[in-house]
Amino acid sequence: MSKLSYEDKINLYNDRKSGASVSSLASKYKIRCDGIKYLIRLIDKHGFNILRLNKNKYYTPYQKEQIINRVIINGESVCSVAIDEGLLSKGMLQNWIKKYKENGYNVVERKRGRQSTMKVTKKKENETDKEKIKRLEEENLYLKAELEYSKKLRAVVQARKNRQQKKK
């Protein structure tokens, strides 16, 4: 649904109540018919105050879970629950349900803001020279074993290729 201004939403509601058809309003305001029907039902239930001008409403994880449970557990329709709760679109609730199921039936808050570009690395403090040398030797031994393994694997693969070429 395209963004409509506060005035457009009020005009759309008044036009519909004065008898204009949904399809004519859809072509006039360039939005889908189901978006108009949803907006009309929302304003009928909550009044014009639901069309807030300022900040978006914040829903806590507990509130989201209660709303989602009405759909999943109680079997209510997404549209009716979204209108009862005053959500500005039923798509918002559908997204909540999708994320809820993806996250193993847990409500996870989306992190807001820009991600930090600085990686925080914790330094191992008070590491003595002997401990550092031992750690490096173990790492070196591990890397040597990994290299040896990859060499043997490469040799086995090459031998198989050679056998296949001889058979042809």
N, C-alpha and C. Protein backbone atom coordinates (compact mmCIF):
# COMPACT_ATOMS: atom_id res chain seq x y z
N MET A 1 0.85 -1.17 0.00
CA MET A 1 0.00 0.00 0.00
C MET A 1 0.89 1.22 0.00
N SER A 2 0.61 2.16 -0.86
CA SER A 2 1.42 3.36 -0.92
C SER A 2 1.14 4.24 0.28
N LYS A 3 2.06 5.09 0.57
CA LYS A 3 1.90 5.98 1.71
C LYS A 3 0.83 7.02 1.39
N LEU A 4 -0.14 7.12 2.27
CA LEU A 4 -1.15 8.15 2.16
C LEU A 4 -0.95 9.14 3.28
N SER A 5 -1.17 10.38 3.00
CA SER A 5 -1.06 11.38 4.06
C SER A 5 -2.27 11.27 4.98
N TYR A 6 -2.19 11.92 6.10
CA TYR A 6 -3.28 11.92 7.07
C TYR A 6 -4.56 12.45 6.43
N GLU A 7 -4.42 13.52 5.66
CA GLU A 7 -5.58 14.13 5.00
C GLU A 7 -6.17 13.18 3.95
N ASP A 8 -5.31 12.49 3.21
CA ASP A 8 -5.79 11.54 2.21
C ASP A 8 -6.60 10.41 2.86
N LYS A 9 -6.12 9.95 4.01
CA LYS A 9 -6.84 8.87 4.70
C LYS A 9 -8.21 9.35 5.17
N ILE A 10 -8.26 10.56 5.69
CA ILE A 10 -9.54 11.12 6.14
C ILE A 10 -10.46 11.32 4.94
N ASN A 11 -9.94 11.88 3.86
CA ASN A 11 -10.75 12.08 2.65
C ASN A 11 -11.25 10.75 2.08
N LEU A 12 -10.39 9.75 2.07
CA LEU A 12 -10.76 8.43 1.59
C LEU A 12 -11.91 7.87 2.43
N TYR A 13 -11.80 7.98 3.74
CA TYR A 13 -12.84 7.48 4.64
C TYR A 13 -14.15 8.22 4.39
N ASN A 14 -14.08 9.55 4.29
CA ASN A 14 -15.30 10.33 4.07
C ASN A 14 -15.93 10.03 2.71
N ASP A 15 -15.09 9.84 1.68
CA ASP A 15 -15.60 9.50 0.35
C ASP A 15 -16.32 8.15 0.39
N ARG A 16 -15.74 7.20 1.09
CA ARG A 16 -16.35 5.87 1.18
C ARG A 16 -17.69 5.94 1.92
N LYS A 17 -17.73 6.71 3.00
CA LYS A 17 -18.96 6.83 3.78
C LYS A 17 -20.04 7.61 3.02
N SER A 18 -19.61 8.44 2.07
CA SER A 18 -20.60 9.19 1.27
C SER A 18 -21.11 8.37 0.08
N GLY A 19 -20.59 7.16 -0.09
CA GLY A 19 -21.16 6.27 -1.09
C GLY A 19 -20.26 5.91 -2.26
N ALA A 20 -19.03 6.35 -2.28
CA ALA A 20 -18.12 6.02 -3.38
C ALA A 20 -17.75 4.54 -3.28
N SER A 21 -17.57 3.90 -4.43
CA SER A 21 -17.22 2.48 -4.44
C SER A 21 -15.74 2.30 -4.10
N VAL A 22 -15.43 1.13 -3.61
CA VAL A 22 -14.05 0.81 -3.23
C VAL A 22 -13.14 0.82 -4.45
N SER A 23 -13.63 0.31 -5.57
CA SER A 23 -12.79 0.24 -6.77
C SER A 23 -12.50 1.64 -7.32
N SER A 24 -13.46 2.56 -7.22
CA SER A 24 -13.19 3.93 -7.69
C SER A 24 -12.20 4.63 -6.77
N LEU A 25 -12.31 4.36 -5.47
CA LEU A 25 -11.35 4.94 -4.53
C LEU A 25 -9.95 4.35 -4.74
N ALA A 26 -9.89 3.07 -5.09
CA ALA A 26 -8.60 2.42 -5.34
C ALA A 26 -7.89 3.06 -6.51
N SER A 27 -8.63 3.38 -7.57
CA SER A 27 -7.99 4.00 -8.72
C SER A 27 -7.66 5.47 -8.43
N LYS A 28 -8.48 6.13 -7.64
CA LYS A 28 -8.23 7.53 -7.32
C LYS A 28 -6.99 7.70 -6.45
N TYR A 29 -6.87 6.87 -5.42
CA TYR A 29 -5.75 7.01 -4.47
C TYR A 29 -4.58 6.08 -4.81
N LYS A 30 -4.75 5.27 -5.85
CA LYS A 30 -3.69 4.36 -6.32
C LYS A 30 -3.22 3.38 -5.23
N ILE A 31 -4.20 2.79 -4.57
CA ILE A 31 -3.91 1.72 -3.60
C ILE A 31 -4.84 0.56 -3.86
N ARG A 32 -4.56 -0.58 -3.28
CA ARG A 32 -5.35 -1.78 -3.51
C ARG A 32 -6.66 -1.72 -2.74
N CYS A 33 -7.64 -2.46 -3.23
CA CYS A 33 -8.97 -2.48 -2.63
C CYS A 33 -8.95 -3.01 -1.19
N ASP A 34 -8.15 -4.06 -0.95
CA ASP A 34 -8.11 -4.61 0.41
C ASP A 34 -7.48 -3.63 1.39
N GLY A 35 -6.57 -2.78 0.92
CA GLY A 35 -6.01 -1.73 1.78
C GLY A 35 -7.06 -0.71 2.18
N ILE A 36 -7.95 -0.38 1.25
CA ILE A 36 -9.03 0.57 1.54
C ILE A 36 -10.01 -0.05 2.54
N LYS A 37 -10.38 -1.29 2.31
CA LYS A 37 -11.31 -1.97 3.21
C LYS A 37 -10.73 -2.06 4.62
N TYR A 38 -9.44 -2.37 4.71
CA TYR A 38 -8.79 -2.45 6.01
C TYR A 38 -8.80 -1.09 6.70
N LEU A 39 -8.46 -0.04 5.97
CA LEU A 39 -8.43 1.30 6.54
C LEU A 39 -9.81 1.73 7.04
N ILE A 40 -10.84 1.43 6.29
CA ILE A 40 -12.22 1.78 6.68
C ILE A 40 -12.59 1.06 7.97
N ARG A 41 -12.31 -0.25 8.03
CA ARG A 41 -12.62 -1.02 9.25
C ARG A 41 -11.83 -0.51 10.44
N LEU A 42 -10.57 -0.14 10.21
CA LEU A 42 -9.72 0.36 11.29
C LEU A 42 -10.25 1.67 11.86
N ILE A 43 -10.64 2.58 10.99
CA ILE A 43 -11.17 3.87 11.44
C ILE A 43 -12.54 3.68 12.09
N ASP A 44 -13.36 2.79 11.57
CA ASP A 44 -14.66 2.51 12.20
C ASP A 44 -14.47 2.02 13.64
N LYS A 45 -13.49 1.18 13.85
CA LYS A 45 -13.27 0.59 15.18
C LYS A 45 -12.61 1.56 16.15
N HIS A 46 -11.57 2.31 15.68
CA HIS A 46 -10.75 3.11 16.59
C HIS A 46 -10.92 4.62 16.42
N GLY A 47 -11.55 5.06 15.38
CA GLY A 47 -11.69 6.49 15.14
C GLY A 47 -10.46 7.05 14.44
N PHE A 48 -10.49 8.36 14.21
CA PHE A 48 -9.39 9.01 13.49
C PHE A 48 -8.10 9.10 14.32
N ASN A 49 -8.20 8.88 15.62
CA ASN A 49 -7.00 8.95 16.47
C ASN A 49 -5.99 7.87 16.12
N ILE A 50 -6.46 6.77 15.51
CA ILE A 50 -5.56 5.68 15.14
C ILE A 50 -4.59 6.11 14.04
N LEU A 51 -4.97 7.13 13.29
CA LEU A 51 -4.10 7.64 12.22
C LEU A 51 -3.14 8.65 12.82
N ARG A 52 -2.22 8.18 13.59
CA ARG A 52 -1.31 9.06 14.30
C ARG A 52 -0.37 9.79 13.34
N LEU A 53 -0.11 11.00 13.71
CA LEU A 53 0.75 11.84 12.86
C LEU A 53 2.21 11.74 13.28
N ASN A 54 2.42 11.54 14.55
CA ASN A 54 3.79 11.63 15.05
C ASN A 54 4.52 10.29 14.98
N LYS A 55 4.89 9.75 16.10
CA LYS A 55 5.77 8.61 16.19
C LYS A 55 5.03 7.28 16.02
N ASN A 56 5.72 6.28 15.50
CA ASN A 56 5.16 4.94 15.41
C ASN A 56 5.02 4.34 16.81
N LYS A 57 4.03 3.50 16.99
CA LYS A 57 3.80 2.87 18.28
C LYS A 57 4.80 1.74 18.47
N TYR A 58 5.29 1.61 19.69
CA TYR A 58 6.24 0.55 20.03
C TYR A 58 5.49 -0.56 20.76
N TYR A 59 5.70 -1.79 20.35
CA TYR A 59 5.10 -2.94 21.00
C TYR A 59 6.20 -3.74 21.68
N THR A 60 6.03 -4.02 22.95
CA THR A 60 7.01 -4.80 23.69
C THR A 60 6.95 -6.25 23.21
N PRO A 61 8.00 -7.02 23.48
CA PRO A 61 7.97 -8.44 23.08
C PRO A 61 6.79 -9.18 23.72
N TYR A 62 6.43 -8.83 24.94
CA TYR A 62 5.31 -9.47 25.60
C TYR A 62 4.00 -9.17 24.86
N GLN A 63 3.81 -7.90 24.49
CA GLN A 63 2.60 -7.53 23.75
C GLN A 63 2.54 -8.25 22.41
N LYS A 64 3.68 -8.30 21.72
CA LYS A 64 3.72 -8.99 20.43
C LYS A 64 3.35 -10.46 20.59
N GLU A 65 3.88 -11.08 21.63
CA GLU A 65 3.60 -12.50 21.84
C GLU A 65 2.11 -12.73 22.13
N GLN A 66 1.50 -11.83 22.90
CA GLN A 66 0.07 -11.96 23.19
C GLN A 66 -0.75 -11.83 21.91
N ILE A 67 -0.38 -10.87 21.06
CA ILE A 67 -1.10 -10.66 19.80
C ILE A 67 -0.91 -11.86 18.88
N ILE A 68 0.31 -12.36 18.78
CA ILE A 68 0.60 -13.53 17.93
C ILE A 68 -0.15 -14.76 18.42
N ASN A 69 -0.21 -14.94 19.74
CA ASN A 69 -0.91 -16.10 20.30
C ASN A 69 -2.40 -16.08 19.99
N ARG A 70 -2.97 -14.90 19.87
CA ARG A 70 -4.39 -14.81 19.50
C ARG A 70 -4.62 -15.45 18.13
N VAL A 71 -3.65 -15.29 17.24
CA VAL A 71 -3.78 -15.86 15.90
C VAL A 71 -3.43 -17.35 15.90
N ILE A 72 -2.30 -17.69 16.49
CA ILE A 72 -1.80 -19.07 16.41
C ILE A 72 -2.58 -20.01 17.32
N ILE A 73 -2.76 -19.64 18.58
CA ILE A 73 -3.38 -20.55 19.54
C ILE A 73 -4.91 -20.46 19.48
N ASN A 74 -5.43 -19.24 19.51
CA ASN A 74 -6.89 -19.06 19.54
C ASN A 74 -7.54 -19.23 18.18
N GLY A 75 -6.77 -19.18 17.11
CA GLY A 75 -7.30 -19.41 15.78
C GLY A 75 -8.08 -18.23 15.20
N GLU A 76 -7.85 -17.03 15.72
CA GLU A 76 -8.52 -15.85 15.18
C GLU A 76 -7.84 -15.46 13.87
N SER A 77 -8.56 -14.74 13.03
CA SER A 77 -7.98 -14.35 11.74
C SER A 77 -6.99 -13.20 11.94
N VAL A 78 -6.00 -13.16 11.06
CA VAL A 78 -4.96 -12.14 11.13
C VAL A 78 -5.57 -10.75 10.99
N CYS A 79 -6.50 -10.61 10.07
CA CYS A 79 -7.11 -9.31 9.80
C CYS A 79 -7.89 -8.80 11.01
N SER A 80 -8.70 -9.66 11.62
CA SER A 80 -9.51 -9.21 12.75
C SER A 80 -8.65 -8.87 13.96
N VAL A 81 -7.60 -9.64 14.20
CA VAL A 81 -6.71 -9.34 15.33
C VAL A 81 -5.97 -8.03 15.08
N ALA A 82 -5.49 -7.83 13.84
CA ALA A 82 -4.78 -6.59 13.51
C ALA A 82 -5.67 -5.37 13.71
N ILE A 83 -6.94 -5.49 13.33
CA ILE A 83 -7.87 -4.37 13.50
C ILE A 83 -8.17 -4.15 14.98
N ASP A 84 -8.40 -5.24 15.73
CA ASP A 84 -8.66 -5.10 17.17
C ASP A 84 -7.50 -4.42 17.89
N GLU A 85 -6.29 -4.76 17.51
CA GLU A 85 -5.11 -4.21 18.18
C GLU A 85 -4.72 -2.83 17.63
N GLY A 86 -5.30 -2.43 16.52
CA GLY A 86 -5.00 -1.11 15.97
C GLY A 86 -3.71 -1.04 15.19
N LEU A 87 -3.30 -2.18 14.60
CA LEU A 87 -2.10 -2.17 13.76
C LEU A 87 -2.43 -1.47 12.45
N LEU A 88 -1.48 -0.71 11.93
CA LEU A 88 -1.77 0.06 10.72
C LEU A 88 -1.86 -0.79 9.46
N SER A 89 -1.40 -2.04 9.51
CA SER A 89 -1.60 -2.95 8.40
C SER A 89 -1.55 -4.38 8.92
N LYS A 90 -2.28 -5.26 8.24
CA LYS A 90 -2.25 -6.66 8.66
C LYS A 90 -0.93 -7.31 8.29
N GLY A 91 -0.22 -6.71 7.34
CA GLY A 91 1.09 -7.22 6.95
C GLY A 91 2.09 -7.17 8.10
N MET A 92 1.93 -6.19 8.98
CA MET A 92 2.80 -6.07 10.15
C MET A 92 2.66 -7.32 11.02
N LEU A 93 1.43 -7.73 11.26
CA LEU A 93 1.18 -8.92 12.08
C LEU A 93 1.66 -10.18 11.37
N GLN A 94 1.47 -10.25 10.07
CA GLN A 94 1.95 -11.40 9.31
C GLN A 94 3.47 -11.52 9.41
N ASN A 95 4.17 -10.39 9.36
CA ASN A 95 5.63 -10.41 9.50
C ASN A 95 6.04 -10.86 10.90
N TRP A 96 5.32 -10.40 11.92
CA TRP A 96 5.62 -10.83 13.28
C TRP A 96 5.48 -12.34 13.41
N ILE A 97 4.41 -12.89 12.85
CA ILE A 97 4.16 -14.33 12.95
C ILE A 97 5.25 -15.10 12.22
N LYS A 98 5.63 -14.63 11.04
CA LYS A 98 6.69 -15.29 10.26
C LYS A 98 8.00 -15.31 11.03
N LYS A 99 8.39 -14.17 11.59
CA LYS A 99 9.64 -14.10 12.36
C LYS A 99 9.55 -14.95 13.63
N TYR A 100 8.37 -14.98 14.24
CA TYR A 100 8.14 -15.76 15.45
C TYR A 100 8.39 -17.24 15.18
N LYS A 101 7.88 -17.72 14.06
CA LYS A 101 8.07 -19.12 13.70
C LYS A 101 9.50 -19.42 13.30
N GLU A 102 10.15 -18.48 12.58
CA GLU A 102 11.54 -18.66 12.16
C GLU A 102 12.48 -18.73 13.35
N ASN A 103 12.17 -18.00 14.42
CA ASN A 103 13.05 -17.93 15.59
C ASN A 103 12.68 -18.97 16.64
N GLY A 104 12.03 -20.04 16.25
CA GLY A 104 11.73 -21.10 17.19
C GLY A 104 10.68 -20.72 18.20
N TYR A 105 9.67 -20.01 17.77
CA TYR A 105 8.56 -19.57 18.61
C TYR A 105 9.05 -18.71 19.78
N ASN A 106 9.92 -17.80 19.45
CA ASN A 106 10.40 -16.78 20.38
C ASN A 106 10.30 -15.43 19.71
N VAL A 107 9.89 -14.43 20.49
CA VAL A 107 9.85 -13.07 19.95
C VAL A 107 11.23 -12.48 20.15
N VAL A 108 11.87 -12.12 19.05
CA VAL A 108 13.22 -11.55 19.11
C VAL A 108 13.12 -10.11 18.65
N GLU A 109 13.66 -9.23 19.48
CA GLU A 109 13.63 -7.81 19.14
C GLU A 109 14.67 -7.53 18.07
N ARG A 110 14.27 -6.78 17.10
CA ARG A 110 15.18 -6.38 16.03
C ARG A 110 16.10 -5.29 16.56
N LYS A 111 17.39 -5.45 16.32
CA LYS A 111 18.33 -4.43 16.76
C LYS A 111 18.22 -3.22 15.86
N ARG A 112 18.15 -2.08 16.45
CA ARG A 112 17.99 -0.86 15.68
C ARG A 112 19.32 -0.11 15.61
N GLY A 113 19.43 0.72 14.62
CA GLY A 113 20.62 1.54 14.49
C GLY A 113 21.68 0.89 13.64
N ARG A 114 22.73 1.59 13.50
CA ARG A 114 23.82 1.16 12.65
C ARG A 114 24.73 0.21 13.41
N GLN A 115 25.23 -0.81 12.73
CA GLN A 115 26.14 -1.74 13.36
C GLN A 115 27.50 -1.10 13.54
N SER A 116 28.17 -1.48 14.58
CA SER A 116 29.48 -0.95 14.86
C SER A 116 30.49 -1.48 13.84
N THR A 117 31.33 -0.60 13.35
CA THR A 117 32.36 -1.03 12.41
C THR A 117 33.63 -1.46 13.12
N MET A 118 33.76 -1.09 14.37
CA MET A 118 34.93 -1.45 15.16
C MET A 118 34.71 -2.81 15.79
N LYS A 119 35.61 -3.73 15.57
CA LYS A 119 35.53 -5.04 16.18
C LYS A 119 36.23 -4.97 17.54
N VAL A 120 35.53 -5.40 18.54
CA VAL A 120 36.09 -5.38 19.88
C VAL A 120 36.79 -6.71 20.10
N THR A 121 38.11 -6.65 20.32
CA THR A 121 38.87 -7.86 20.58
C THR A 121 39.36 -7.82 22.01
N LYS A 122 39.16 -8.91 22.69
CA LYS A 122 39.63 -8.97 24.06
C LYS A 122 41.04 -9.53 24.07
N LYS A 123 41.92 -8.84 24.68
CA LYS A 123 43.30 -9.29 24.77
C LYS A 123 43.44 -10.22 25.96
N LYS A 124 44.24 -11.24 25.76
CA LYS A 124 44.53 -12.12 26.88
C LYS A 124 45.57 -11.44 27.75
N GLU A 125 45.12 -11.07 28.91
CA GLU A 125 46.03 -10.35 29.80
C GLU A 125 46.81 -11.35 30.65
N ASN A 126 47.93 -10.90 31.08
CA ASN A 126 48.79 -11.66 31.99
C ASN A 126 49.20 -13.01 31.41
N GLU A 127 49.38 -13.09 30.11
CA GLU A 127 49.85 -14.31 29.49
C GLU A 127 51.37 -14.28 29.51
N THR A 128 51.95 -15.23 30.19
CA THR A 128 53.41 -15.25 30.30
C THR A 128 54.02 -15.73 29.00
N ASP A 129 55.33 -15.52 28.88
CA ASP A 129 56.03 -15.93 27.66
C ASP A 129 55.96 -17.44 27.46
N LYS A 130 56.09 -18.21 28.55
CA LYS A 130 56.03 -19.67 28.42
C LYS A 130 54.66 -20.12 27.92
N GLU A 131 53.60 -19.52 28.45
CA GLU A 131 52.25 -19.89 28.02
C GLU A 131 52.03 -19.51 26.56
N LYS A 132 52.55 -18.35 26.18
CA LYS A 132 52.40 -17.89 24.80
C LYS A 132 53.14 -18.81 23.84
N ILE A 133 54.35 -19.22 24.20
CA ILE A 133 55.13 -20.12 23.37
C ILE A 133 54.43 -21.47 23.24
N LYS A 134 53.89 -21.98 24.35
CA LYS A 134 53.20 -23.26 24.32
C LYS A 134 51.97 -23.19 23.43
N ARG A 135 51.20 -22.10 23.55
CA ARG A 135 50.00 -21.93 22.73
C ARG A 135 50.37 -21.87 21.25
N LEU A 136 51.43 -21.13 20.93
CA LEU A 136 51.87 -21.02 19.53
C LEU A 136 52.38 -22.35 18.99
N GLU A 137 53.07 -23.12 19.83
CA GLU A 137 53.56 -24.43 19.39
C GLU A 137 52.40 -25.37 19.09
N GLU A 138 51.36 -25.35 19.95
CA GLU A 138 50.19 -26.19 19.72
C GLU A 138 49.47 -25.79 18.43
N GLU A 139 49.37 -24.49 18.22
CA GLU A 139 48.74 -24.00 17.00
C GLU A 139 49.55 -24.41 15.78
N ASN A 140 50.86 -24.32 15.87
CA ASN A 140 51.75 -24.70 14.79
C ASN A 140 51.60 -26.19 14.48
N LEU A 141 51.54 -27.03 15.51
CA LEU A 141 51.37 -28.46 15.34
C LEU A 141 50.04 -28.76 14.65
N TYR A 142 49.00 -28.09 15.05
CA TYR A 142 47.68 -28.28 14.45
C TYR A 142 47.71 -27.91 12.97
N LEU A 143 48.34 -26.79 12.65
CA LEU A 143 48.40 -26.35 11.25
C LEU A 143 49.22 -27.31 10.39
N LYS A 144 50.30 -27.87 10.95
CA LYS A 144 51.10 -28.85 10.22
C LYS A 144 50.27 -30.10 9.91
N ALA A 145 49.50 -30.55 10.90
CA ALA A 145 48.67 -31.74 10.70
C ALA A 145 47.59 -31.46 9.65
N GLU A 146 47.03 -30.28 9.68
CA GLU A 146 46.00 -29.91 8.70
C GLU A 146 46.60 -29.88 7.29
N LEU A 147 47.80 -29.35 7.15
CA LEU A 147 48.48 -29.30 5.86
C LEU A 147 48.79 -30.71 5.35
N GLU A 148 49.25 -31.57 6.23
CA GLU A 148 49.57 -32.94 5.86
C GLU A 148 48.31 -33.67 5.39
N TYR A 149 47.21 -33.46 6.08
CA TYR A 149 45.93 -34.07 5.70
C TYR A 149 45.50 -33.61 4.31
N SER A 150 45.59 -32.31 4.06
CA SER A 150 45.16 -31.80 2.75
C SER A 150 46.05 -32.34 1.63
N LYS A 151 47.35 -32.53 1.90
CA LYS A 151 48.24 -33.10 0.89
C LYS A 151 47.84 -34.54 0.56
N LYS A 152 47.56 -35.33 1.59
CA LYS A 152 47.16 -36.73 1.36
C LYS A 152 45.83 -36.81 0.62
N LEU A 153 44.91 -35.94 0.99
CA LEU A 153 43.61 -35.91 0.33
C LEU A 153 43.77 -35.57 -1.15
N ARG A 154 44.61 -34.59 -1.44
CA ARG A 154 44.85 -34.19 -2.81
C ARG A 154 45.47 -35.34 -3.60
N ALA A 155 46.38 -36.11 -2.97
CA ALA A 155 47.02 -37.24 -3.64
C ALA A 155 46.00 -38.34 -3.95
N VAL A 156 45.07 -38.60 -3.02
CA VAL A 156 44.04 -39.62 -3.25
C VAL A 156 43.13 -39.21 -4.40
N VAL A 157 42.73 -37.97 -4.42
CA VAL A 157 41.86 -37.47 -5.49
C VAL A 157 42.57 -37.57 -6.83
N GLN A 158 43.83 -37.21 -6.87
CA GLN A 158 44.60 -37.28 -8.12
C GLN A 158 44.73 -38.73 -8.59
N ALA A 159 44.95 -39.66 -7.64
CA ALA A 159 45.06 -41.08 -8.01
C ALA A 159 43.75 -41.58 -8.60
N ARG A 160 42.63 -41.19 -8.05
CA ARG A 160 41.33 -41.60 -8.59
C ARG A 160 41.13 -41.05 -10.00
N LYS A 161 41.53 -39.81 -10.22
CA LYS A 161 41.40 -39.23 -11.56
C LYS A 161 42.26 -39.99 -12.56
N ASN A 162 43.47 -40.35 -12.16
CA ASN A 162 44.37 -41.10 -13.05
C ASN A 162 43.79 -42.46 -13.40
N ARG A 163 43.19 -43.17 -12.40
CA ARG A 163 42.58 -44.47 -12.65
C ARG A 163 41.42 -44.35 -13.63
N GLN A 164 40.61 -43.31 -13.48
CA GLN A 164 39.47 -43.11 -14.36
C GLN A 164 39.93 -42.83 -15.79
N GLN A 165 41.01 -42.06 -15.94
CA GLN A 165 41.51 -41.77 -17.27
C GLN A 165 42.08 -43.02 -17.93
N LYS A 166 42.72 -43.92 -17.18
CA LYS A 166 43.29 -45.15 -17.74
C LYS A 166 42.18 -46.09 -18.18
N LYS A 167 41.05 -46.11 -17.46
CA LYS A 167 39.94 -47.00 -17.81
C LYS A 167 39.29 -46.58 -19.13
N LYS A 168 39.29 -45.33 -19.44
CA LYS A 168 38.68 -44.82 -20.68
C LYS A 168 39.53 -45.18 -21.83
